[in-house]
Amino acid sequence: MEACGNLVPGGSWELGMESGDIVSAGGLQGALRERRGLIFRIALDRMARWFPKNPRVEGVTTTLGLDLASERVWEALRFYEEVPSRPSAFLRLVLPTPRRSEGQKVQPGALIRCTYEGGSLVKRITVADRAHSLRFEVLEQRLGIENCISLGEGSYEIRERGRGCAVLLTTAYRGHLRPRFLWRPLERVLAHAVHRHILGGIGAGQDR
């Protein structure tokens, strides 16, 4: 399943706290939102314990068209944890906030350690075909939502298209929440939101 939308300029979406500190109102609101997100994730993950693990792997793909050469797009590829802009309120509610990643993502076999607010991921690069394909698998997932969803593999595919190229970002996962007919569409909305955040960072980086 692929998503569509708009991104301007530079690209187009296509189918496919210390004691005694003075806290500002904005900072306090942000902290409250983070706390609400944590409570929400804990409650959802505890509910998911009642359901059996789902062995079926599902995939979601989002595509971004850019008026850029594939080499420039390759240089701009980022993981979710590397996008400089803050994730949306929706993403911060459902997922812990990403902080950073460490590792050589263009080296096959390299381990990428991703740090979140209260969580972590370890990814291993499986394919790094310059200006064409970047693939990875998730070896460790500690995000506090393991009973809800298990992340599997991810990939970035760069395909030449006219004078520019298209970037296809795919996430493979196993969703454990039941009933699946209810939760699957919500999981796809989440995956597309994550993809748009990542791909939007790529497009914005090339506009500077």
N, C-alpha and C. Protein backbone atom coordinates (compact mmCIF):
# COMPACT_ATOMS: atom_id res chain seq x y z
N MET A 1 0.85 -1.19 0.00
CA MET A 1 0.00 0.00 0.00
C MET A 1 0.88 1.24 0.00
N GLU A 2 0.56 2.21 -0.86
CA GLU A 2 1.35 3.43 -0.94
C GLU A 2 0.48 4.63 -0.62
N ALA A 3 1.14 5.74 -0.27
CA ALA A 3 0.42 6.95 0.14
C ALA A 3 0.67 8.07 -0.85
N CYS A 4 -0.22 9.08 -0.83
CA CYS A 4 -0.02 10.25 -1.66
C CYS A 4 -0.24 11.50 -0.82
N GLY A 5 0.31 12.63 -1.30
CA GLY A 5 0.18 13.88 -0.56
C GLY A 5 0.93 14.97 -1.30
N ASN A 6 1.32 16.05 -0.58
CA ASN A 6 2.02 17.16 -1.21
C ASN A 6 3.20 17.59 -0.37
N LEU A 7 4.28 17.93 -1.04
CA LEU A 7 5.47 18.45 -0.37
C LEU A 7 6.05 19.53 -1.27
N VAL A 8 6.14 20.78 -0.80
CA VAL A 8 6.70 21.86 -1.61
C VAL A 8 7.57 22.74 -0.73
N PRO A 9 8.69 23.34 -1.27
CA PRO A 9 9.17 23.04 -2.62
C PRO A 9 10.14 21.88 -2.61
N GLY A 10 10.67 21.49 -3.79
CA GLY A 10 11.73 20.51 -3.87
C GLY A 10 11.27 19.11 -4.15
N GLY A 11 10.01 18.80 -3.88
CA GLY A 11 9.57 17.44 -4.13
C GLY A 11 8.06 17.36 -4.12
N SER A 12 7.53 16.25 -4.61
CA SER A 12 6.09 16.07 -4.63
C SER A 12 5.76 14.68 -4.14
N TRP A 13 4.75 14.56 -3.30
CA TRP A 13 4.32 13.24 -2.85
C TRP A 13 3.57 12.57 -3.98
N GLU A 14 3.80 11.30 -4.15
CA GLU A 14 3.12 10.53 -5.17
C GLU A 14 2.58 9.26 -4.53
N LEU A 15 1.70 8.51 -5.34
CA LEU A 15 1.18 7.26 -4.84
C LEU A 15 2.37 6.37 -4.48
N GLY A 16 2.06 5.54 -4.47
CA GLY A 16 3.13 4.63 -4.06
C GLY A 16 2.92 4.41 -2.56
N MET A 17 13.53 16.66 33.03
CA MET A 17 13.33 18.07 33.80
C MET A 17 14.28 18.04 34.91
N GLU A 18 15.46 19.76 36.39
CA GLU A 18 16.28 19.84 37.56
C GLU A 18 15.58 20.79 38.51
N SER A 19 15.62 20.48 39.76
CA SER A 19 14.89 21.26 40.76
C SER A 19 15.35 22.71 40.75
N GLY A 20 14.38 23.65 40.88
CA GLY A 20 14.71 25.07 40.93
C GLY A 20 14.71 25.74 39.59
N ASP A 21 14.61 24.99 38.48
CA ASP A 21 14.59 25.59 37.15
C ASP A 21 13.25 26.26 36.89
N ILE A 22 13.27 27.34 36.12
CA ILE A 22 12.05 27.99 35.69
C ILE A 22 11.67 27.39 34.35
N VAL A 23 10.49 26.80 34.26
CA VAL A 23 10.05 26.11 33.06
C VAL A 23 9.09 27.00 32.29
N SER A 24 9.36 27.23 31.01
CA SER A 24 8.48 28.04 30.18
C SER A 24 7.18 27.31 29.93
N ALA A 25 6.16 28.07 29.51
CA ALA A 25 4.87 27.46 29.22
C ALA A 25 5.00 26.44 28.09
N GLY A 26 5.79 26.80 27.05
CA GLY A 26 5.98 25.87 25.94
C GLY A 26 6.69 24.61 26.37
N GLY A 27 7.73 24.77 27.21
CA GLY A 27 8.46 23.61 27.69
C GLY A 27 7.60 22.72 28.56
N LEU A 28 6.76 23.33 29.40
CA LEU A 28 5.88 22.56 30.26
C LEU A 28 4.86 21.79 29.45
N GLN A 29 4.30 22.45 28.43
CA GLN A 29 3.32 21.79 27.58
C GLN A 29 3.96 20.61 26.85
N GLY A 30 5.20 20.82 26.39
CA GLY A 30 5.89 19.73 25.71
C GLY A 30 6.12 18.54 26.63
N ALA A 31 6.51 18.84 27.88
CA ALA A 31 6.74 17.77 28.85
C ALA A 31 5.45 17.02 29.15
N LEU A 32 4.34 17.75 29.24
CA LEU A 32 3.05 17.11 29.49
C LEU A 32 2.64 16.22 28.32
N ARG A 33 2.91 16.69 27.09
CA ARG A 33 2.59 15.87 25.92
C ARG A 33 3.42 14.60 25.91
N GLU A 34 4.70 14.73 26.26
CA GLU A 34 5.56 13.55 26.30
C GLU A 34 5.05 12.56 27.34
N ARG A 35 4.61 13.06 28.50
CA ARG A 35 4.10 12.19 29.56
C ARG A 35 2.81 11.50 29.13
N ARG A 36 1.93 12.25 28.45
CA ARG A 36 0.70 11.64 27.96
C ARG A 36 1.01 10.53 26.96
N GLY A 37 2.00 10.78 26.10
CA GLY A 37 2.39 9.76 25.14
C GLY A 37 2.89 8.50 25.82
N LEU A 38 3.71 8.67 26.87
CA LEU A 38 4.24 7.52 27.59
C LEU A 38 3.11 6.72 28.23
N ILE A 39 2.17 7.42 28.89
CA ILE A 39 1.04 6.74 29.52
C ILE A 39 0.21 6.00 28.49
N PHE A 40 -0.02 6.65 27.35
CA PHE A 40 -0.80 6.01 26.27
C PHE A 40 -0.12 4.74 25.79
N ARG A 41 1.19 4.80 25.56
CA ARG A 41 1.92 3.63 25.05
C ARG A 41 1.93 2.49 26.06
N ILE A 42 2.11 2.82 27.33
CA ILE A 42 2.11 1.78 28.37
C ILE A 42 0.76 1.08 28.43
N ALA A 43 -0.32 1.88 28.41
CA ALA A 43 -1.66 1.30 28.47
C ALA A 43 -1.93 0.41 27.27
N LEU A 44 -1.55 0.88 26.08
CA LEU A 44 -1.80 0.11 24.86
C LEU A 44 -0.99 -1.18 24.85
N ASP A 45 0.26 -1.10 25.29
CA ASP A 45 1.12 -2.28 25.28
C ASP A 45 0.63 -3.31 26.29
N ARG A 46 0.13 -2.86 27.44
CA ARG A 46 -0.41 -3.80 28.43
C ARG A 46 -1.66 -4.49 27.90
N MET A 47 -2.50 -3.74 27.19
CA MET A 47 -3.68 -4.34 26.60
C MET A 47 -3.29 -5.41 25.57
N ALA A 48 -2.22 -5.12 24.81
CA ALA A 48 -1.81 -6.03 23.74
C ALA A 48 -1.27 -7.35 24.28
N ARG A 49 -0.91 -7.41 25.57
CA ARG A 49 -0.41 -8.66 26.14
C ARG A 49 -1.44 -9.77 26.07
N TRP A 50 -2.70 -9.41 25.98
CA TRP A 50 -3.76 -10.40 25.96
C TRP A 50 -3.90 -11.08 24.60
N PHE A 51 -3.24 -10.54 23.59
CA PHE A 51 -3.38 -11.09 22.24
C PHE A 51 -2.18 -11.96 21.87
N PRO A 52 -2.39 -13.03 21.11
CA PRO A 52 -1.26 -13.85 20.65
C PRO A 52 -0.43 -13.08 19.63
N LYS A 53 0.85 -13.41 19.56
CA LYS A 53 1.72 -12.77 18.59
C LYS A 53 1.31 -13.15 17.17
N ASN A 54 1.34 -12.17 16.30
CA ASN A 54 0.93 -12.38 14.92
C ASN A 54 2.17 -12.74 14.08
N PRO A 55 2.18 -13.89 13.41
CA PRO A 55 3.35 -14.27 12.60
C PRO A 55 3.38 -13.61 11.22
N ARG A 56 2.27 -13.00 10.81
CA ARG A 56 2.18 -12.46 9.44
C ARG A 56 2.92 -11.14 9.32
N VAL A 57 3.80 -11.07 8.32
CA VAL A 57 4.54 -9.84 8.04
C VAL A 57 3.76 -9.00 7.04
N GLU A 58 3.61 -7.72 7.35
CA GLU A 58 2.91 -6.80 6.47
C GLU A 58 3.86 -5.67 6.08
N GLY A 59 3.58 -5.02 4.96
CA GLY A 59 4.46 -3.96 4.49
C GLY A 59 3.69 -2.71 4.09
N VAL A 60 4.31 -1.57 4.29
CA VAL A 60 3.74 -0.28 3.90
C VAL A 60 4.81 0.50 3.16
N THR A 61 4.44 1.07 2.01
CA THR A 61 5.38 1.84 1.18
C THR A 61 4.84 3.24 0.93
N THR A 62 5.71 4.23 1.06
CA THR A 62 5.39 5.61 0.73
C THR A 62 6.42 6.10 -0.29
N THR A 63 5.98 6.86 -1.29
CA THR A 63 6.86 7.30 -2.38
C THR A 63 6.92 8.82 -2.46
N LEU A 64 8.13 9.33 -2.66
CA LEU A 64 8.34 10.76 -2.85
C LEU A 64 9.05 11.00 -4.17
N GLY A 65 8.51 11.90 -5.01
CA GLY A 65 9.18 12.27 -6.25
C GLY A 65 9.98 13.54 -6.05
N LEU A 66 11.23 13.55 -6.53
CA LEU A 66 12.11 14.70 -6.38
C LEU A 66 12.73 15.08 -7.72
N ASP A 67 12.90 16.36 -7.96
CA ASP A 67 13.58 16.84 -9.17
C ASP A 67 15.07 16.93 -8.90
N LEU A 68 15.64 15.81 -8.49
CA LEU A 68 17.05 15.75 -8.13
C LEU A 68 17.67 14.48 -8.68
N ALA A 69 18.97 14.52 -8.91
CA ALA A 69 19.69 13.33 -9.36
C ALA A 69 19.74 12.31 -8.23
N SER A 70 19.78 11.03 -8.59
CA SER A 70 19.77 9.96 -7.59
C SER A 70 20.98 10.05 -6.66
N GLU A 71 22.12 10.54 -7.15
CA GLU A 71 23.30 10.66 -6.30
C GLU A 71 23.07 11.67 -5.18
N ARG A 72 22.44 12.79 -5.49
CA ARG A 72 22.15 13.80 -4.48
C ARG A 72 21.15 13.28 -3.45
N VAL A 73 20.18 12.52 -3.92
CA VAL A 73 19.20 11.95 -3.00
C VAL A 73 19.87 10.94 -2.07
N TRP A 74 20.76 10.12 -2.63
CA TRP A 74 21.49 9.14 -1.81
C TRP A 74 22.24 9.83 -0.68
N GLU A 75 22.90 10.93 -0.99
CA GLU A 75 23.65 11.65 0.03
C GLU A 75 22.74 12.23 1.11
N ALA A 76 21.47 12.46 0.78
CA ALA A 76 20.54 13.08 1.72
C ALA A 76 19.72 12.06 2.51
N LEU A 77 19.86 10.76 2.23
CA LEU A 77 19.06 9.76 2.92
C LEU A 77 19.27 9.83 4.43
N ARG A 78 18.17 9.77 5.16
CA ARG A 78 18.22 9.82 6.62
C ARG A 78 17.32 8.74 7.21
N PHE A 79 17.70 8.27 8.40
CA PHE A 79 16.80 7.44 9.18
C PHE A 79 15.89 8.36 10.00
N TYR A 80 14.82 7.78 10.54
CA TYR A 80 13.87 8.54 11.36
C TYR A 80 14.59 9.27 12.50
N GLU A 81 15.60 8.61 13.08
CA GLU A 81 16.31 9.18 14.22
C GLU A 81 17.25 10.32 13.83
N GLU A 82 17.46 10.53 12.53
CA GLU A 82 18.39 11.55 12.06
C GLU A 82 17.71 12.80 11.51
N VAL A 83 16.40 12.76 11.35
CA VAL A 83 15.69 13.92 10.80
C VAL A 83 15.76 15.06 11.82
N PRO A 84 16.26 16.24 11.44
CA PRO A 84 16.44 17.33 12.40
C PRO A 84 15.15 17.93 12.92
N SER A 85 14.09 17.93 12.11
CA SER A 85 12.82 18.51 12.57
C SER A 85 12.13 17.58 13.55
N ARG A 86 11.38 18.18 14.47
CA ARG A 86 10.71 17.40 15.50
C ARG A 86 9.53 16.64 14.91
N PRO A 87 9.31 15.39 15.31
CA PRO A 87 8.13 14.67 14.83
C PRO A 87 6.84 15.35 15.25
N SER A 88 5.78 15.07 14.53
CA SER A 88 4.47 15.66 14.84
C SER A 88 3.97 15.19 16.20
N ALA A 89 2.95 15.89 16.71
CA ALA A 89 2.35 15.51 17.99
C ALA A 89 1.80 14.09 17.93
N PHE A 90 1.24 13.72 16.79
CA PHE A 90 0.72 12.36 16.61
C PHE A 90 1.83 11.32 16.76
N LEU A 91 2.96 11.55 16.10
CA LEU A 91 4.06 10.59 16.19
C LEU A 91 4.63 10.54 17.60
N ARG A 92 4.69 11.68 18.28
CA ARG A 92 5.22 11.70 19.65
C ARG A 92 4.27 11.04 20.64
N LEU A 93 2.99 10.96 20.27
CA LEU A 93 2.03 10.26 21.12
C LEU A 93 2.20 8.75 21.01
N VAL A 94 2.36 8.27 19.77
CA VAL A 94 2.36 6.83 19.53
C VAL A 94 3.75 6.21 19.68
N LEU A 95 4.80 6.99 19.38
CA LEU A 95 6.18 6.49 19.44
C LEU A 95 7.01 7.35 20.38
N PRO A 96 8.01 6.76 21.05
CA PRO A 96 8.92 7.60 21.82
C PRO A 96 9.70 8.53 20.90
N THR A 97 10.12 9.66 21.41
CA THR A 97 10.80 10.66 20.60
C THR A 97 12.23 10.23 20.27
N PRO A 98 12.62 10.23 18.98
CA PRO A 98 13.99 9.85 18.61
C PRO A 98 15.00 10.92 19.01
N ARG A 99 16.20 10.49 19.38
CA ARG A 99 17.26 11.41 19.79
C ARG A 99 18.45 11.41 18.83
N ARG A 100 18.93 10.24 18.47
CA ARG A 100 20.10 10.18 17.59
C ARG A 100 20.32 8.74 17.11
N SER A 101 21.21 8.60 16.14
CA SER A 101 21.66 7.28 15.70
C SER A 101 23.16 7.31 15.52
N GLU A 102 23.79 6.16 15.71
CA GLU A 102 25.24 6.03 15.58
C GLU A 102 25.55 4.83 14.72
N GLY A 103 26.47 5.01 13.76
CA GLY A 103 26.88 3.91 12.90
C GLY A 103 26.96 4.35 11.45
N GLN A 104 27.64 3.53 10.62
CA GLN A 104 27.84 3.83 9.21
C GLN A 104 26.73 3.18 8.39
N LYS A 105 25.71 3.95 8.03
CA LYS A 105 24.55 3.35 7.39
C LYS A 105 24.79 2.97 5.93
N VAL A 106 25.90 3.36 5.34
CA VAL A 106 26.15 2.98 3.95
C VAL A 106 27.14 1.81 3.86
N GLN A 107 27.37 1.12 4.96
CA GLN A 107 28.29 -0.01 4.99
C GLN A 107 27.53 -1.30 5.29
N PRO A 108 27.44 -2.24 4.36
CA PRO A 108 26.74 -3.50 4.61
C PRO A 108 27.31 -4.22 5.84
N GLY A 109 26.43 -4.71 6.68
CA GLY A 109 26.84 -5.39 7.90
C GLY A 109 27.00 -4.49 9.10
N ALA A 110 27.02 -3.17 8.88
CA ALA A 110 27.20 -2.22 9.98
C ALA A 110 25.98 -2.21 10.89
N LEU A 111 26.22 -2.03 12.19
CA LEU A 111 25.15 -1.91 13.17
C LEU A 111 24.87 -0.44 13.42
N ILE A 112 23.61 -0.09 13.39
CA ILE A 112 23.17 1.29 13.65
C ILE A 112 22.42 1.29 14.97
N ARG A 113 22.95 2.00 15.95
CA ARG A 113 22.31 2.06 17.27
C ARG A 113 21.52 3.36 17.35
N CYS A 114 20.22 3.21 17.54
CA CYS A 114 19.30 4.35 17.54
C CYS A 114 18.77 4.58 18.95
N THR A 115 18.91 5.82 19.42
CA THR A 115 18.50 6.17 20.77
C THR A 115 17.21 6.98 20.74
N TYR A 116 16.27 6.60 21.59
CA TYR A 116 15.00 7.29 21.75
C TYR A 116 14.86 7.76 23.19
N GLU A 117 13.89 8.62 23.42
CA GLU A 117 13.56 9.03 24.78
C GLU A 117 12.93 7.83 25.49
N GLY A 118 13.74 7.12 26.27
CA GLY A 118 13.24 5.94 26.98
C GLY A 118 13.19 4.68 26.14
N GLY A 119 14.00 4.60 25.08
CA GLY A 119 13.98 3.40 24.26
C GLY A 119 15.16 3.34 23.30
N SER A 120 15.22 2.27 22.52
CA SER A 120 16.32 2.12 21.57
C SER A 120 15.97 1.09 20.51
N LEU A 121 16.71 1.16 19.41
CA LEU A 121 16.65 0.19 18.33
C LEU A 121 18.07 -0.14 17.90
N VAL A 122 18.28 -1.35 17.43
CA VAL A 122 19.54 -1.70 16.77
C VAL A 122 19.19 -2.23 15.39
N LYS A 123 19.75 -1.58 14.36
CA LYS A 123 19.51 -1.99 12.98
C LYS A 123 20.81 -2.51 12.38
N ARG A 124 20.70 -3.43 11.45
CA ARG A 124 21.87 -3.90 10.71
C ARG A 124 21.65 -3.63 9.23
N ILE A 125 22.62 -2.98 8.59
CA ILE A 125 22.53 -2.71 7.16
C ILE A 125 22.74 -4.01 6.39
N THR A 126 21.81 -4.33 5.52
CA THR A 126 21.93 -5.56 4.73
C THR A 126 22.32 -5.28 3.27
N VAL A 127 21.89 -4.14 2.74
CA VAL A 127 22.23 -3.76 1.36
C VAL A 127 22.51 -2.27 1.34
N ALA A 128 23.61 -1.88 0.69
CA ALA A 128 23.93 -0.47 0.49
C ALA A 128 24.47 -0.31 -0.93
N ASP A 129 23.57 -0.21 -1.88
CA ASP A 129 23.90 -0.06 -3.29
C ASP A 129 23.79 1.42 -3.63
N ARG A 130 24.91 2.10 -3.69
CA ARG A 130 24.93 3.55 -3.79
C ARG A 130 24.03 4.08 -4.89
N ALA A 131 23.22 5.09 -4.50
CA ALA A 131 22.30 5.78 -5.41
C ALA A 131 21.18 4.90 -5.92
N HIS A 132 21.04 3.69 -5.33
CA HIS A 132 19.98 2.80 -5.77
C HIS A 132 19.16 2.22 -4.61
N SER A 133 19.83 1.60 -3.65
CA SER A 133 19.07 0.87 -2.63
C SER A 133 19.81 0.85 -1.29
N LEU A 134 19.06 1.05 -0.22
CA LEU A 134 19.56 0.92 1.14
C LEU A 134 18.55 0.09 1.92
N ARG A 135 19.00 -1.05 2.46
CA ARG A 135 18.11 -1.94 3.20
C ARG A 135 18.70 -2.26 4.57
N PHE A 136 17.81 -2.50 5.52
CA PHE A 136 18.26 -2.85 6.86
C PHE A 136 17.25 -3.77 7.53
N GLU A 137 17.69 -4.44 8.60
CA GLU A 137 16.81 -5.25 9.43
C GLU A 137 16.94 -4.80 10.87
N VAL A 138 15.86 -4.90 11.63
CA VAL A 138 15.86 -4.52 13.03
C VAL A 138 16.24 -5.74 13.87
N LEU A 139 17.35 -5.65 14.60
CA LEU A 139 17.82 -6.75 15.43
C LEU A 139 17.28 -6.65 16.85
N GLU A 140 17.19 -5.44 17.39
CA GLU A 140 16.69 -5.22 18.74
C GLU A 140 15.68 -4.09 18.73
N GLN A 141 14.58 -4.29 19.41
CA GLN A 141 13.54 -3.26 19.53
C GLN A 141 13.16 -3.11 20.99
N ARG A 142 13.40 -1.93 21.54
CA ARG A 142 13.02 -1.63 22.92
C ARG A 142 12.39 -0.24 22.96
N LEU A 143 11.16 -0.19 22.48
CA LEU A 143 10.45 1.08 22.38
C LEU A 143 9.25 1.15 23.31
N GLY A 144 9.00 0.08 24.05
CA GLY A 144 7.85 0.05 24.95
C GLY A 144 6.55 -0.30 24.26
N ILE A 145 6.61 -0.75 23.02
CA ILE A 145 5.40 -1.12 22.27
C ILE A 145 5.57 -2.52 21.67
N GLU A 146 6.43 -3.33 22.25
CA GLU A 146 6.76 -4.62 21.66
C GLU A 146 5.57 -5.58 21.61
N ASN A 147 4.62 -5.43 22.53
CA ASN A 147 3.43 -6.29 22.48
C ASN A 147 2.44 -5.83 21.42
N CYS A 148 2.62 -4.61 20.92
CA CYS A 148 1.73 -4.06 19.89
C CYS A 148 2.23 -4.32 18.49
N ILE A 149 3.53 -4.15 18.30
CA ILE A 149 4.09 -4.22 16.95
C ILE A 149 5.56 -4.63 17.02
N SER A 150 5.96 -5.46 16.08
CA SER A 150 7.36 -5.88 15.96
C SER A 150 7.89 -5.40 14.62
N LEU A 151 8.93 -4.56 14.66
CA LEU A 151 9.53 -4.06 13.43
C LEU A 151 10.43 -5.12 12.83
N GLY A 152 10.42 -5.22 11.50
CA GLY A 152 11.22 -6.22 10.81
C GLY A 152 12.29 -5.60 9.95
N GLU A 153 11.97 -5.34 8.70
CA GLU A 153 12.94 -4.78 7.76
C GLU A 153 12.46 -3.44 7.24
N GLY A 154 13.40 -2.69 6.70
CA GLY A 154 13.08 -1.41 6.07
C GLY A 154 13.96 -1.21 4.86
N SER A 155 13.49 -0.39 3.92
CA SER A 155 14.30 -0.16 2.72
C SER A 155 13.99 1.20 2.11
N TYR A 156 15.03 1.74 1.44
CA TYR A 156 14.92 2.94 0.62
C TYR A 156 15.31 2.54 -0.79
N GLU A 157 14.42 2.74 -1.73
CA GLU A 157 14.72 2.45 -3.13
C GLU A 157 14.70 3.76 -3.91
N ILE A 158 15.75 4.03 -4.69
CA ILE A 158 15.84 5.23 -5.51
C ILE A 158 15.74 4.83 -6.97
N ARG A 159 14.72 5.35 -7.65
CA ARG A 159 14.49 4.99 -9.05
C ARG A 159 14.48 6.25 -9.91
N GLU A 160 15.27 6.23 -10.97
CA GLU A 160 15.30 7.37 -11.89
C GLU A 160 13.96 7.52 -12.58
N ARG A 161 13.52 8.78 -12.68
CA ARG A 161 12.22 9.07 -13.30
C ARG A 161 12.32 10.41 -14.00
N GLY A 162 12.39 10.39 -15.32
CA GLY A 162 12.54 11.62 -16.08
C GLY A 162 13.84 12.32 -15.73
N ARG A 163 13.76 13.61 -15.40
CA ARG A 163 14.95 14.37 -15.02
C ARG A 163 15.24 14.28 -13.53
N GLY A 164 14.41 13.57 -12.79
CA GLY A 164 14.61 13.42 -11.36
C GLY A 164 14.57 11.96 -10.96
N CYS A 165 14.02 11.70 -9.79
CA CYS A 165 13.94 10.33 -9.31
C CYS A 165 12.80 10.19 -8.31
N ALA A 166 12.48 8.96 -7.96
CA ALA A 166 11.48 8.65 -6.94
C ALA A 166 12.15 7.87 -5.84
N VAL A 167 11.78 8.17 -4.59
CA VAL A 167 12.29 7.44 -3.44
C VAL A 167 11.13 6.66 -2.84
N LEU A 168 11.31 5.35 -2.73
CA LEU A 168 10.29 4.47 -2.15
C LEU A 168 10.79 4.00 -0.79
N LEU A 169 10.08 4.36 0.25
CA LEU A 169 10.44 3.97 1.61
C LEU A 169 9.44 2.92 2.09
N THR A 170 9.95 1.75 2.46
CA THR A 170 9.10 0.62 2.86
C THR A 170 9.45 0.15 4.27
N THR A 171 8.42 -0.16 5.04
CA THR A 171 8.59 -0.74 6.37
C THR A 171 7.83 -2.05 6.43
N ALA A 172 8.51 -3.11 6.88
CA ALA A 172 7.88 -4.41 7.09
C ALA A 172 7.75 -4.61 8.60
N TYR A 173 6.60 -5.09 9.02
CA TYR A 173 6.34 -5.24 10.46
C TYR A 173 5.32 -6.34 10.70
N ARG A 174 5.18 -6.73 11.98
CA ARG A 174 4.12 -7.64 12.40
C ARG A 174 3.27 -6.92 13.45
N GLY A 175 1.99 -6.76 13.17
CA GLY A 175 1.08 -6.11 14.10
C GLY A 175 0.37 -7.14 14.95
N HIS A 176 0.34 -6.93 16.27
CA HIS A 176 -0.21 -7.94 17.18
C HIS A 176 -1.56 -7.56 17.77
N LEU A 177 -1.97 -6.30 17.63
CA LEU A 177 -3.25 -5.88 18.20
C LEU A 177 -4.41 -6.49 17.42
N ARG A 178 -5.44 -6.87 18.13
CA ARG A 178 -6.63 -7.47 17.52
C ARG A 178 -7.87 -6.64 17.86
N PRO A 179 -8.89 -6.68 16.98
CA PRO A 179 -8.95 -7.39 15.71
C PRO A 179 -8.13 -6.68 14.64
N ARG A 180 -7.55 -7.48 13.73
CA ARG A 180 -6.64 -6.94 12.74
C ARG A 180 -7.36 -6.00 11.77
N PHE A 181 -8.62 -6.27 11.43
CA PHE A 181 -9.32 -5.41 10.48
C PHE A 181 -9.49 -3.99 11.04
N LEU A 182 -9.44 -3.86 12.37
CA LEU A 182 -9.55 -2.54 12.99
C LEU A 182 -8.20 -1.87 13.12
N TRP A 183 -7.19 -2.62 13.55
CA TRP A 183 -5.89 -2.03 13.86
C TRP A 183 -4.99 -1.87 12.65
N ARG A 184 -5.16 -2.72 11.62
CA ARG A 184 -4.29 -2.62 10.43
C ARG A 184 -4.35 -1.25 9.77
N PRO A 185 -5.53 -0.69 9.52
CA PRO A 185 -5.57 0.65 8.91
C PRO A 185 -4.90 1.71 9.77
N LEU A 186 -5.03 1.61 11.10
CA LEU A 186 -4.39 2.58 11.98
C LEU A 186 -2.87 2.44 11.94
N GLU A 187 -2.39 1.20 11.85
CA GLU A 187 -0.95 0.97 11.75
C GLU A 187 -0.40 1.55 10.44
N ARG A 188 -1.17 1.45 9.38
CA ARG A 188 -0.74 2.00 8.09
C ARG A 188 -0.70 3.53 8.13
N VAL A 189 -1.66 4.12 8.82
CA VAL A 189 -1.63 5.57 8.99
C VAL A 189 -0.35 5.98 9.72
N LEU A 190 -0.01 5.25 10.77
CA LEU A 190 1.22 5.53 11.53
C LEU A 190 2.45 5.36 10.65
N ALA A 191 2.53 4.27 9.91
CA ALA A 191 3.70 4.01 9.06
C ALA A 191 3.86 5.11 8.01
N HIS A 192 2.78 5.50 7.37
CA HIS A 192 2.86 6.57 6.37
C HIS A 192 3.28 7.89 7.01
N ALA A 193 2.83 8.16 8.24
CA ALA A 193 3.22 9.39 8.93
C ALA A 193 4.71 9.40 9.21
N VAL A 194 5.24 8.27 9.64
CA VAL A 194 6.69 8.15 9.88
C VAL A 194 7.44 8.34 8.57
N HIS A 195 6.97 7.70 7.51
CA HIS A 195 7.62 7.81 6.20
C HIS A 195 7.63 9.26 5.70
N ARG A 196 6.51 9.94 5.83
CA ARG A 196 6.43 11.32 5.36
C ARG A 196 7.38 12.22 6.14
N HIS A 197 7.52 11.96 7.43
CA HIS A 197 8.46 12.73 8.25
C HIS A 197 9.89 12.53 7.74
N ILE A 198 10.24 11.28 7.46
CA ILE A 198 11.58 10.97 6.97
C ILE A 198 11.82 11.56 5.58
N LEU A 199 10.91 11.29 4.67
CA LEU A 199 11.08 11.76 3.29
C LEU A 199 10.99 13.27 3.20
N GLY A 200 10.16 13.87 4.05
CA GLY A 200 10.10 15.33 4.10
C GLY A 200 11.44 15.91 4.52
N GLY A 201 12.15 15.23 5.41
CA GLY A 201 13.48 15.67 5.82
C GLY A 201 14.47 15.60 4.68
N ILE A 202 14.34 14.59 3.83
CA ILE A 202 15.21 14.47 2.67
C ILE A 202 14.97 15.63 1.71
N GLY A 203 13.71 15.88 1.41
CA GLY A 203 13.39 16.96 0.48
C GLY A 203 13.79 18.31 1.01
N ALA A 204 13.54 18.57 2.30
CA ALA A 204 13.90 19.85 2.90
C ALA A 204 15.40 20.05 2.90
N GLY A 205 16.16 18.97 3.13
CA GLY A 205 17.61 19.07 3.15
C GLY A 205 18.18 19.47 1.82
N GLN A 206 17.51 19.11 0.72
CA GLN A 206 18.00 19.42 -0.61
C GLN A 206 17.57 20.81 -1.08
N ASP A 207 16.67 21.45 -0.33
CA ASP A 207 16.24 22.80 -0.70
C ASP A 207 17.18 23.88 -0.20
N ARG A 208 18.08 23.51 0.72
CA ARG A 208 18.96 24.52 1.31
C ARG A 208 20.13 24.81 0.38
